[in-house]
mmCIF file of all heavy atoms, coordinates in Angstrom:
data_MODEL
# 
_entry.id   MODEL 
# 
loop_
_atom_site.group_PDB 
_atom_site.id 
_atom_site.type_symbol 
_atom_site.label_atom_id 
_atom_site.label_alt_id 
_atom_site.label_comp_id 
_atom_site.label_asym_id 
_atom_site.label_entity_id 
_atom_site.label_seq_id 
_atom_site.pdbx_PDB_ins_code 
_atom_site.Cartn_x 
_atom_site.Cartn_y 
_atom_site.Cartn_z 
_atom_site.occupancy 
_atom_site.B_iso_or_equiv 
_atom_site.pdbx_formal_charge 
_atom_site.auth_seq_id 
_atom_site.auth_comp_id 
_atom_site.auth_asym_id 
_atom_site.auth_atom_id 
_atom_site.pdbx_PDB_model_num 
ATOM 1   N N   . PRO A 1 1  ? 72.838  114.181 118.456 1.00 0.00 ? 1  PRO A N   1 
ATOM 2   C CA  . PRO A 1 1  ? 71.675  114.548 119.375 1.00 0.00 ? 1  PRO A CA  1 
ATOM 3   C C   . PRO A 1 1  ? 71.290  115.991 119.205 1.00 0.00 ? 1  PRO A C   1 
ATOM 4   O O   . PRO A 1 1  ? 71.992  116.819 118.814 1.00 0.00 ? 1  PRO A O   1 
ATOM 5   C CB  . PRO A 1 1  ? 72.210  114.240 120.728 1.00 0.00 ? 1  PRO A CB  1 
ATOM 6   C CG  . PRO A 1 1  ? 73.366  113.205 120.567 1.00 0.00 ? 1  PRO A CG  1 
ATOM 7   C CD  . PRO A 1 1  ? 73.836  113.490 119.191 1.00 0.00 ? 1  PRO A CD  1 
ATOM 8   N N   . ASP A 1 2  ? 70.048  116.204 119.637 1.00 0.00 ? 2  ASP A N   1 
ATOM 9   C CA  . ASP A 1 2  ? 69.347  117.569 119.604 1.00 0.00 ? 2  ASP A CA  1 
ATOM 10  C C   . ASP A 1 2  ? 69.368  118.099 118.116 1.00 0.00 ? 2  ASP A C   1 
ATOM 11  O O   . ASP A 1 2  ? 69.542  119.310 118.013 1.00 0.00 ? 2  ASP A O   1 
ATOM 12  C CB  . ASP A 1 2  ? 70.215  118.554 120.434 1.00 0.00 ? 2  ASP A CB  1 
ATOM 13  C CG  . ASP A 1 2  ? 70.140  118.127 121.908 1.00 0.00 ? 2  ASP A CG  1 
ATOM 14  O OD1 . ASP A 1 2  ? 69.124  117.622 122.304 1.00 0.00 ? 2  ASP A OD1 1 
ATOM 15  O OD2 . ASP A 1 2  ? 71.212  118.386 122.616 1.00 0.00 ? 2  ASP A OD2 1 
ATOM 16  N N   . ARG A 1 3  ? 69.214  117.183 117.141 1.00 0.00 ? 3  ARG A N   1 
ATOM 17  C CA  . ARG A 1 3  ? 69.066  117.639 115.765 1.00 0.00 ? 3  ARG A CA  1 
ATOM 18  C C   . ARG A 1 3  ? 70.309  118.335 115.249 1.00 0.00 ? 3  ARG A C   1 
ATOM 19  O O   . ARG A 1 3  ? 70.174  119.122 114.201 1.00 0.00 ? 3  ARG A O   1 
ATOM 20  C CB  . ARG A 1 3  ? 67.850  118.465 115.632 1.00 0.00 ? 3  ARG A CB  1 
ATOM 21  C CG  . ARG A 1 3  ? 66.530  117.751 115.928 1.00 0.00 ? 3  ARG A CG  1 
ATOM 22  C CD  . ARG A 1 3  ? 65.319  118.561 115.666 1.00 0.00 ? 3  ARG A CD  1 
ATOM 23  N NE  . ARG A 1 3  ? 65.315  119.763 116.435 1.00 0.00 ? 3  ARG A NE  1 
ATOM 24  C CZ  . ARG A 1 3  ? 64.334  120.727 116.366 1.00 0.00 ? 3  ARG A CZ  1 
ATOM 25  N NH1 . ARG A 1 3  ? 63.414  120.685 115.457 1.00 0.00 ? 3  ARG A NH1 1 
ATOM 26  N NH2 . ARG A 1 3  ? 64.471  121.823 117.079 1.00 0.00 ? 3  ARG A NH2 1 
ATOM 27  N N   . ARG A 1 4  ? 71.419  118.130 115.790 1.00 0.00 ? 4  ARG A N   1 
ATOM 28  C CA  . ARG A 1 4  ? 72.694  118.756 115.342 1.00 0.00 ? 4  ARG A CA  1 
ATOM 29  C C   . ARG A 1 4  ? 73.264  117.923 114.231 1.00 0.00 ? 4  ARG A C   1 
ATOM 30  O O   . ARG A 1 4  ? 73.044  116.669 114.131 1.00 0.00 ? 4  ARG A O   1 
ATOM 31  C CB  . ARG A 1 4  ? 73.653  118.906 116.482 1.00 0.00 ? 4  ARG A CB  1 
ATOM 32  C CG  . ARG A 1 4  ? 73.208  119.746 117.643 1.00 0.00 ? 4  ARG A CG  1 
ATOM 33  C CD  . ARG A 1 4  ? 73.194  121.145 117.244 1.00 0.00 ? 4  ARG A CD  1 
ATOM 34  N NE  . ARG A 1 4  ? 72.781  122.025 118.401 1.00 0.00 ? 4  ARG A NE  1 
ATOM 35  C CZ  . ARG A 1 4  ? 72.824  123.319 118.334 1.00 0.00 ? 4  ARG A CZ  1 
ATOM 36  N NH1 . ARG A 1 4  ? 73.272  124.036 117.232 1.00 0.00 ? 4  ARG A NH1 1 
ATOM 37  N NH2 . ARG A 1 4  ? 72.519  124.078 119.376 1.00 0.00 ? 4  ARG A NH2 1 
ATOM 38  N N   . VAL A 1 5  ? 74.030  118.555 113.380 1.00 0.00 ? 5  VAL A N   1 
ATOM 39  C CA  . VAL A 1 5  ? 74.638  117.812 112.303 1.00 0.00 ? 5  VAL A CA  1 
ATOM 40  C C   . VAL A 1 5  ? 76.028  118.268 112.142 1.00 0.00 ? 5  VAL A C   1 
ATOM 41  O O   . VAL A 1 5  ? 76.533  119.398 112.513 1.00 0.00 ? 5  VAL A O   1 
ATOM 42  C CB  . VAL A 1 5  ? 73.868  118.117 110.926 1.00 0.00 ? 5  VAL A CB  1 
ATOM 43  C CG1 . VAL A 1 5  ? 72.498  117.543 110.998 1.00 0.00 ? 5  VAL A CG1 1 
ATOM 44  C CG2 . VAL A 1 5  ? 73.908  119.628 110.555 1.00 0.00 ? 5  VAL A CG2 1 
ATOM 45  N N   . LEU A 1 6  ? 76.941  117.387 111.596 1.00 0.00 ? 6  LEU A N   1 
ATOM 46  C CA  . LEU A 1 6  ? 78.268  117.639 111.252 1.00 0.00 ? 6  LEU A CA  1 
ATOM 47  C C   . LEU A 1 6  ? 78.432  117.332 109.817 1.00 0.00 ? 6  LEU A C   1 
ATOM 48  O O   . LEU A 1 6  ? 78.079  116.264 109.226 1.00 0.00 ? 6  LEU A O   1 
ATOM 49  C CB  . LEU A 1 6  ? 79.239  116.713 112.074 1.00 0.00 ? 6  LEU A CB  1 
ATOM 50  C CG  . LEU A 1 6  ? 79.635  117.263 113.534 1.00 0.00 ? 6  LEU A CG  1 
ATOM 51  C CD1 . LEU A 1 6  ? 80.508  116.244 114.168 1.00 0.00 ? 6  LEU A CD1 1 
ATOM 52  C CD2 . LEU A 1 6  ? 80.302  118.535 113.393 1.00 0.00 ? 6  LEU A CD2 1 
ATOM 53  N N   . VAL A 1 7  ? 79.086  118.322 109.102 1.00 0.00 ? 7  VAL A N   1 
ATOM 54  C CA  . VAL A 1 7  ? 79.394  118.181 107.706 1.00 0.00 ? 7  VAL A CA  1 
ATOM 55  C C   . VAL A 1 7  ? 80.830  117.393 107.629 1.00 0.00 ? 7  VAL A C   1 
ATOM 56  O O   . VAL A 1 7  ? 81.754  118.018 108.133 1.00 0.00 ? 7  VAL A O   1 
ATOM 57  C CB  . VAL A 1 7  ? 79.425  119.522 106.939 1.00 0.00 ? 7  VAL A CB  1 
ATOM 58  C CG1 . VAL A 1 7  ? 79.817  119.284 105.457 1.00 0.00 ? 7  VAL A CG1 1 
ATOM 59  C CG2 . VAL A 1 7  ? 78.071  120.131 107.094 1.00 0.00 ? 7  VAL A CG2 1 
ATOM 60  N N   . VAL A 1 8  ? 80.914  116.336 106.935 1.00 0.00 ? 8  VAL A N   1 
ATOM 61  C CA  . VAL A 1 8  ? 82.065  115.522 106.814 1.00 0.00 ? 8  VAL A CA  1 
ATOM 62  C C   . VAL A 1 8  ? 82.346  115.333 105.282 1.00 0.00 ? 8  VAL A C   1 
ATOM 63  O O   . VAL A 1 8  ? 81.541  114.868 104.619 1.00 0.00 ? 8  VAL A O   1 
ATOM 64  C CB  . VAL A 1 8  ? 82.009  114.153 107.559 1.00 0.00 ? 8  VAL A CB  1 
ATOM 65  C CG1 . VAL A 1 8  ? 83.265  113.428 107.444 1.00 0.00 ? 8  VAL A CG1 1 
ATOM 66  C CG2 . VAL A 1 8  ? 81.619  114.366 109.066 1.00 0.00 ? 8  VAL A CG2 1 
ATOM 67  N N   . ASP A 1 9  ? 83.527  115.769 104.942 1.00 0.00 ? 9  ASP A N   1 
ATOM 68  C CA  . ASP A 1 9  ? 83.942  115.512 103.520 1.00 0.00 ? 9  ASP A CA  1 
ATOM 69  C C   . ASP A 1 9  ? 84.871  114.363 103.445 1.00 0.00 ? 9  ASP A C   1 
ATOM 70  O O   . ASP A 1 9  ? 85.906  114.183 104.194 1.00 0.00 ? 9  ASP A O   1 
ATOM 71  C CB  . ASP A 1 9  ? 84.676  116.852 103.027 1.00 0.00 ? 9  ASP A CB  1 
ATOM 72  C CG  . ASP A 1 9  ? 85.087  116.631 101.579 1.00 0.00 ? 9  ASP A CG  1 
ATOM 73  O OD1 . ASP A 1 9  ? 86.118  115.989 101.249 1.00 0.00 ? 9  ASP A OD1 1 
ATOM 74  O OD2 . ASP A 1 9  ? 84.262  117.027 100.617 1.00 0.00 ? 9  ASP A OD2 1 
ATOM 75  N N   . VAL A 1 10 ? 84.529  113.386 102.655 1.00 0.00 ? 10 VAL A N   1 
ATOM 76  C CA  . VAL A 1 10 ? 85.239  112.063 102.550 1.00 0.00 ? 10 VAL A CA  1 
ATOM 77  C C   . VAL A 1 10 ? 85.977  111.987 101.199 1.00 0.00 ? 10 VAL A C   1 
ATOM 78  O O   . VAL A 1 10 ? 86.320  110.880 100.815 1.00 0.00 ? 10 VAL A O   1 
ATOM 79  C CB  . VAL A 1 10 ? 84.275  110.924 102.873 1.00 0.00 ? 10 VAL A CB  1 
ATOM 80  C CG1 . VAL A 1 10 ? 83.777  110.991 104.296 1.00 0.00 ? 10 VAL A CG1 1 
ATOM 81  C CG2 . VAL A 1 10 ? 83.173  110.882 101.768 1.00 0.00 ? 10 VAL A CG2 1 
ATOM 82  N N   . LYS A 1 11 ? 86.158  113.145 100.456 1.00 0.00 ? 11 LYS A N   1 
ATOM 83  C CA  . LYS A 1 11 ? 86.686  113.015 99.055  1.00 0.00 ? 11 LYS A CA  1 
ATOM 84  C C   . LYS A 1 11 ? 88.045  113.472 99.035  1.00 0.00 ? 11 LYS A C   1 
ATOM 85  O O   . LYS A 1 11 ? 88.481  114.097 98.127  1.00 0.00 ? 11 LYS A O   1 
ATOM 86  C CB  . LYS A 1 11 ? 85.792  113.858 98.130  1.00 0.00 ? 11 LYS A CB  1 
ATOM 87  C CG  . LYS A 1 11 ? 84.352  113.388 98.137  1.00 0.00 ? 11 LYS A CG  1 
ATOM 88  C CD  . LYS A 1 11 ? 83.519  114.298 97.133  1.00 0.00 ? 11 LYS A CD  1 
ATOM 89  C CE  . LYS A 1 11 ? 82.086  113.905 97.191  1.00 0.00 ? 11 LYS A CE  1 
ATOM 90  N NZ  . LYS A 1 11 ? 81.223  114.753 96.324  1.00 0.00 ? 11 LYS A NZ  1 
ATOM 91  N N   . THR A 1 12 ? 88.869  113.076 100.018 1.00 0.00 ? 12 THR A N   1 
ATOM 92  C CA  . THR A 1 12 ? 90.266  113.505 100.058 1.00 0.00 ? 12 THR A CA  1 
ATOM 93  C C   . THR A 1 12 ? 90.943  112.755 98.830  1.00 0.00 ? 12 THR A C   1 
ATOM 94  O O   . THR A 1 12 ? 90.969  111.556 98.723  1.00 0.00 ? 12 THR A O   1 
ATOM 95  C CB  . THR A 1 12 ? 90.899  112.986 101.392 1.00 0.00 ? 12 THR A CB  1 
ATOM 96  O OG1 . THR A 1 12 ? 90.151  113.562 102.463 1.00 0.00 ? 12 THR A OG1 1 
ATOM 97  C CG2 . THR A 1 12 ? 92.382  113.468 101.409 1.00 0.00 ? 12 THR A CG2 1 
ATOM 98  N N   . PRO A 1 13 ? 91.612  113.548 98.050  1.00 0.00 ? 13 PRO A N   1 
ATOM 99  C CA  . PRO A 1 13 ? 92.382  112.999 96.850  1.00 0.00 ? 13 PRO A CA  1 
ATOM 100 C C   . PRO A 1 13 ? 93.594  112.209 97.286  1.00 0.00 ? 13 PRO A C   1 
ATOM 101 O O   . PRO A 1 13 ? 94.395  112.759 98.052  1.00 0.00 ? 13 PRO A O   1 
ATOM 102 C CB  . PRO A 1 13 ? 92.678  114.164 96.044  1.00 0.00 ? 13 PRO A CB  1 
ATOM 103 C CG  . PRO A 1 13 ? 92.730  115.395 97.025  1.00 0.00 ? 13 PRO A CG  1 
ATOM 104 C CD  . PRO A 1 13 ? 91.669  115.089 98.089  1.00 0.00 ? 13 PRO A CD  1 
ATOM 105 N N   . LEU A 1 14 ? 93.744  110.988 96.922  1.00 0.00 ? 14 LEU A N   1 
ATOM 106 C CA  . LEU A 1 14 ? 94.785  110.131 97.370  1.00 0.00 ? 14 LEU A CA  1 
ATOM 107 C C   . LEU A 1 14 ? 95.745  109.650 96.153  1.00 0.00 ? 14 LEU A C   1 
ATOM 108 O O   . LEU A 1 14 ? 96.636  108.818 96.362  1.00 0.00 ? 14 LEU A O   1 
ATOM 109 C CB  . LEU A 1 14 ? 94.323  108.966 98.119  1.00 0.00 ? 14 LEU A CB  1 
ATOM 110 C CG  . LEU A 1 14 ? 93.480  109.269 99.375  1.00 0.00 ? 14 LEU A CG  1 
ATOM 111 C CD1 . LEU A 1 14 ? 92.908  107.995 99.990  1.00 0.00 ? 14 LEU A CD1 1 
ATOM 112 C CD2 . LEU A 1 14 ? 94.366  110.058 100.399 1.00 0.00 ? 14 LEU A CD2 1 
ATOM 113 N N   . ASP A 1 15 ? 95.470  110.141 94.921  1.00 0.00 ? 15 ASP A N   1 
ATOM 114 C CA  . ASP A 1 15 ? 96.231  109.663 93.777  1.00 0.00 ? 15 ASP A CA  1 
ATOM 115 C C   . ASP A 1 15 ? 97.662  109.886 93.869  1.00 0.00 ? 15 ASP A C   1 
ATOM 116 O O   . ASP A 1 15 ? 98.507  108.921 93.600  1.00 0.00 ? 15 ASP A O   1 
ATOM 117 C CB  . ASP A 1 15 ? 95.702  110.379 92.533  1.00 0.00 ? 15 ASP A CB  1 
ATOM 118 C CG  . ASP A 1 15 ? 94.179  110.005 92.252  1.00 0.00 ? 15 ASP A CG  1 
ATOM 119 O OD1 . ASP A 1 15 ? 93.788  108.985 92.765  1.00 0.00 ? 15 ASP A OD1 1 
ATOM 120 O OD2 . ASP A 1 15 ? 93.585  110.737 91.486  1.00 0.00 ? 15 ASP A OD2 1 
ATOM 121 N N   . ALA A 1 16 ? 98.072  111.056 94.365  1.00 0.00 ? 16 ALA A N   1 
ATOM 122 C CA  . ALA A 1 16 ? 99.491  111.379 94.503  1.00 0.00 ? 16 ALA A CA  1 
ATOM 123 C C   . ALA A 1 16 ? 100.161 110.410 95.598  1.00 0.00 ? 16 ALA A C   1 
ATOM 124 O O   . ALA A 1 16 ? 101.354 109.932 95.331  1.00 0.00 ? 16 ALA A O   1 
ATOM 125 C CB  . ALA A 1 16 ? 99.752  112.855 94.977  1.00 0.00 ? 16 ALA A CB  1 
ATOM 126 N N   . TYR A 1 17 ? 99.491  110.088 96.635  1.00 0.00 ? 17 TYR A N   1 
ATOM 127 C CA  . TYR A 1 17 ? 100.037 109.237 97.633  1.00 0.00 ? 17 TYR A CA  1 
ATOM 128 C C   . TYR A 1 17 ? 100.197 107.758 97.061  1.00 0.00 ? 17 TYR A C   1 
ATOM 129 O O   . TYR A 1 17 ? 101.283 107.149 97.255  1.00 0.00 ? 17 TYR A O   1 
ATOM 130 C CB  . TYR A 1 17 ? 99.141  109.099 98.868  1.00 0.00 ? 17 TYR A CB  1 
ATOM 131 C CG  . TYR A 1 17 ? 99.670  108.158 99.917  1.00 0.00 ? 17 TYR A CG  1 
ATOM 132 C CD1 . TYR A 1 17 ? 100.612 108.640 100.936 1.00 0.00 ? 17 TYR A CD1 1 
ATOM 133 C CD2 . TYR A 1 17 ? 99.211  106.864 99.951  1.00 0.00 ? 17 TYR A CD2 1 
ATOM 134 C CE1 . TYR A 1 17 ? 101.151 107.810 101.822 1.00 0.00 ? 17 TYR A CE1 1 
ATOM 135 C CE2 . TYR A 1 17 ? 99.798  106.021 100.946 1.00 0.00 ? 17 TYR A CE2 1 
ATOM 136 C CZ  . TYR A 1 17 ? 100.711 106.481 101.812 1.00 0.00 ? 17 TYR A CZ  1 
ATOM 137 O OH  . TYR A 1 17 ? 101.182 105.588 102.791 1.00 0.00 ? 17 TYR A OH  1 
ATOM 138 N N   . LEU A 1 18 ? 99.280  107.346 96.241  1.00 0.00 ? 18 LEU A N   1 
ATOM 139 C CA  . LEU A 1 18 ? 99.371  106.035 95.584  1.00 0.00 ? 18 LEU A CA  1 
ATOM 140 C C   . LEU A 1 18 ? 100.540 106.014 94.643  1.00 0.00 ? 18 LEU A C   1 
ATOM 141 O O   . LEU A 1 18 ? 101.230 105.004 94.439  1.00 0.00 ? 18 LEU A O   1 
ATOM 142 C CB  . LEU A 1 18 ? 98.107  105.600 94.954  1.00 0.00 ? 18 LEU A CB  1 
ATOM 143 C CG  . LEU A 1 18 ? 96.890  105.468 95.955  1.00 0.00 ? 18 LEU A CG  1 
ATOM 144 C CD1 . LEU A 1 18 ? 95.603  105.130 95.178  1.00 0.00 ? 18 LEU A CD1 1 
ATOM 145 C CD2 . LEU A 1 18 ? 97.221  104.521 96.978  1.00 0.00 ? 18 LEU A CD2 1 
ATOM 146 N N   . GLU A 1 19 ? 100.750 107.130 93.928  1.00 0.00 ? 19 GLU A N   1 
ATOM 147 C CA  . GLU A 1 19 ? 101.982 107.121 93.098  1.00 0.00 ? 19 GLU A CA  1 
ATOM 148 C C   . GLU A 1 19 ? 103.190 107.081 93.824  1.00 0.00 ? 19 GLU A C   1 
ATOM 149 O O   . GLU A 1 19 ? 104.223 106.478 93.290  1.00 0.00 ? 19 GLU A O   1 
ATOM 150 C CB  . GLU A 1 19 ? 101.855 108.504 92.277  1.00 0.00 ? 19 GLU A CB  1 
ATOM 151 C CG  . GLU A 1 19 ? 100.731 108.560 91.281  1.00 0.00 ? 19 GLU A CG  1 
ATOM 152 C CD  . GLU A 1 19 ? 100.728 109.820 90.551  1.00 0.00 ? 19 GLU A CD  1 
ATOM 153 O OE1 . GLU A 1 19 ? 101.643 110.701 90.725  1.00 0.00 ? 19 GLU A OE1 1 
ATOM 154 O OE2 . GLU A 1 19 ? 99.757  110.149 89.761  1.00 0.00 ? 19 GLU A OE2 1 
ATOM 155 N N   . ALA A 1 20 ? 103.246 107.744 95.016  1.00 0.00 ? 20 ALA A N   1 
ATOM 156 C CA  . ALA A 1 20 ? 104.454 107.583 95.812  1.00 0.00 ? 20 ALA A CA  1 
ATOM 157 C C   . ALA A 1 20 ? 104.713 106.189 96.281  1.00 0.00 ? 20 ALA A C   1 
ATOM 158 O O   . ALA A 1 20 ? 105.871 105.678 96.323  1.00 0.00 ? 20 ALA A O   1 
ATOM 159 C CB  . ALA A 1 20 ? 104.310 108.609 97.033  1.00 0.00 ? 20 ALA A CB  1 
ATOM 160 N N   . VAL A 1 21 ? 103.677 105.488 96.496  1.00 0.00 ? 21 VAL A N   1 
ATOM 161 C CA  . VAL A 1 21 ? 103.850 104.037 96.940  1.00 0.00 ? 21 VAL A CA  1 
ATOM 162 C C   . VAL A 1 21 ? 104.409 103.194 95.754  1.00 0.00 ? 21 VAL A C   1 
ATOM 163 O O   . VAL A 1 21 ? 105.268 102.344 95.950  1.00 0.00 ? 21 VAL A O   1 
ATOM 164 C CB  . VAL A 1 21 ? 102.492 103.491 97.478  1.00 0.00 ? 21 VAL A CB  1 
ATOM 165 C CG1 . VAL A 1 21 ? 102.615 101.978 97.674  1.00 0.00 ? 21 VAL A CG1 1 
ATOM 166 C CG2 . VAL A 1 21 ? 102.080 104.191 98.724  1.00 0.00 ? 21 VAL A CG2 1 
ATOM 167 N N   . ASP A 1 22 ? 104.001 103.506 94.574  1.00 0.00 ? 22 ASP A N   1 
ATOM 168 C CA  . ASP A 1 22 ? 104.507 102.756 93.383  1.00 0.00 ? 22 ASP A CA  1 
ATOM 169 C C   . ASP A 1 22 ? 105.664 103.309 92.768  1.00 0.00 ? 22 ASP A C   1 
ATOM 170 O O   . ASP A 1 22 ? 106.147 102.870 91.749  1.00 0.00 ? 22 ASP A O   1 
ATOM 171 C CB  . ASP A 1 22 ? 103.300 102.736 92.326  1.00 0.00 ? 22 ASP A CB  1 
ATOM 172 C CG  . ASP A 1 22 ? 102.039 101.939 92.863  1.00 0.00 ? 22 ASP A CG  1 
ATOM 173 O OD1 . ASP A 1 22 ? 102.278 101.106 93.732  1.00 0.00 ? 22 ASP A OD1 1 
ATOM 174 O OD2 . ASP A 1 22 ? 100.996 102.302 92.454  1.00 0.00 ? 22 ASP A OD2 1 
ATOM 175 N N   . ALA A 1 23 ? 106.234 104.345 93.352  1.00 0.00 ? 23 ALA A N   1 
ATOM 176 C CA  . ALA A 1 23 ? 107.496 105.028 92.824  1.00 0.00 ? 23 ALA A CA  1 
ATOM 177 C C   . ALA A 1 23 ? 108.631 104.089 92.747  1.00 0.00 ? 23 ALA A C   1 
ATOM 178 O O   . ALA A 1 23 ? 108.791 103.223 93.633  1.00 0.00 ? 23 ALA A O   1 
ATOM 179 C CB  . ALA A 1 23 ? 107.886 106.305 93.552  1.00 0.00 ? 23 ALA A CB  1 
ATOM 180 N N   . LYS A 1 24 ? 109.509 104.149 91.672  1.00 0.00 ? 24 LYS A N   1 
ATOM 181 C CA  . LYS A 1 24 ? 110.592 103.258 91.480  1.00 0.00 ? 24 LYS A CA  1 
ATOM 182 C C   . LYS A 1 24 ? 111.854 103.725 92.139  1.00 0.00 ? 24 LYS A C   1 
ATOM 183 O O   . LYS A 1 24 ? 112.823 102.978 92.549  1.00 0.00 ? 24 LYS A O   1 
ATOM 184 C CB  . LYS A 1 24 ? 110.822 103.059 90.054  1.00 0.00 ? 24 LYS A CB  1 
ATOM 185 C CG  . LYS A 1 24 ? 109.773 102.526 89.215  1.00 0.00 ? 24 LYS A CG  1 
ATOM 186 C CD  . LYS A 1 24 ? 109.304 101.128 89.704  1.00 0.00 ? 24 LYS A CD  1 
ATOM 187 C CE  . LYS A 1 24 ? 108.103 100.608 88.912  1.00 0.00 ? 24 LYS A CE  1 
ATOM 188 N NZ  . LYS A 1 24 ? 107.722 99.209  89.342  1.00 0.00 ? 24 LYS A NZ  1 
ATOM 189 N N   . ASP A 1 25 ? 111.924 105.088 92.417  1.00 0.00 ? 25 ASP A N   1 
ATOM 190 C CA  . ASP A 1 25 ? 113.089 105.638 93.117  1.00 0.00 ? 25 ASP A CA  1 
ATOM 191 C C   . ASP A 1 25 ? 112.674 106.635 94.097  1.00 0.00 ? 25 ASP A C   1 
ATOM 192 O O   . ASP A 1 25 ? 111.517 107.074 94.155  1.00 0.00 ? 25 ASP A O   1 
ATOM 193 C CB  . ASP A 1 25 ? 114.041 106.230 92.015  1.00 0.00 ? 25 ASP A CB  1 
ATOM 194 C CG  . ASP A 1 25 ? 113.310 107.300 91.183  1.00 0.00 ? 25 ASP A CG  1 
ATOM 195 O OD1 . ASP A 1 25 ? 112.994 108.403 91.656  1.00 0.00 ? 25 ASP A OD1 1 
ATOM 196 O OD2 . ASP A 1 25 ? 113.051 106.950 90.013  1.00 0.00 ? 25 ASP A OD2 1 
ATOM 197 N N   . GLU A 1 26 ? 113.588 107.012 94.892  1.00 0.00 ? 26 GLU A N   1 
ATOM 198 C CA  . GLU A 1 26 ? 113.379 107.869 96.034  1.00 0.00 ? 26 GLU A CA  1 
ATOM 199 C C   . GLU A 1 26 ? 112.978 109.262 95.560  1.00 0.00 ? 26 GLU A C   1 
ATOM 200 O O   . GLU A 1 26 ? 112.050 109.984 96.179  1.00 0.00 ? 26 GLU A O   1 
ATOM 201 C CB  . GLU A 1 26 ? 114.568 108.041 96.914  1.00 0.00 ? 26 GLU A CB  1 
ATOM 202 C CG  . GLU A 1 26 ? 114.398 108.823 98.183  1.00 0.00 ? 26 GLU A CG  1 
ATOM 203 C CD  . GLU A 1 26 ? 113.328 108.330 99.088  1.00 0.00 ? 26 GLU A CD  1 
ATOM 204 O OE1 . GLU A 1 26 ? 113.025 107.098 99.021  1.00 0.00 ? 26 GLU A OE1 1 
ATOM 205 O OE2 . GLU A 1 26 ? 112.741 109.102 99.894  1.00 0.00 ? 26 GLU A OE2 1 
# 
């Protein structure tokens, strides 16, 4: 409202997290 804006970045890198999910060992 009132012509206000919010800048939102949605490009959070998640590759390392997905690698952790697929990891074979701790």
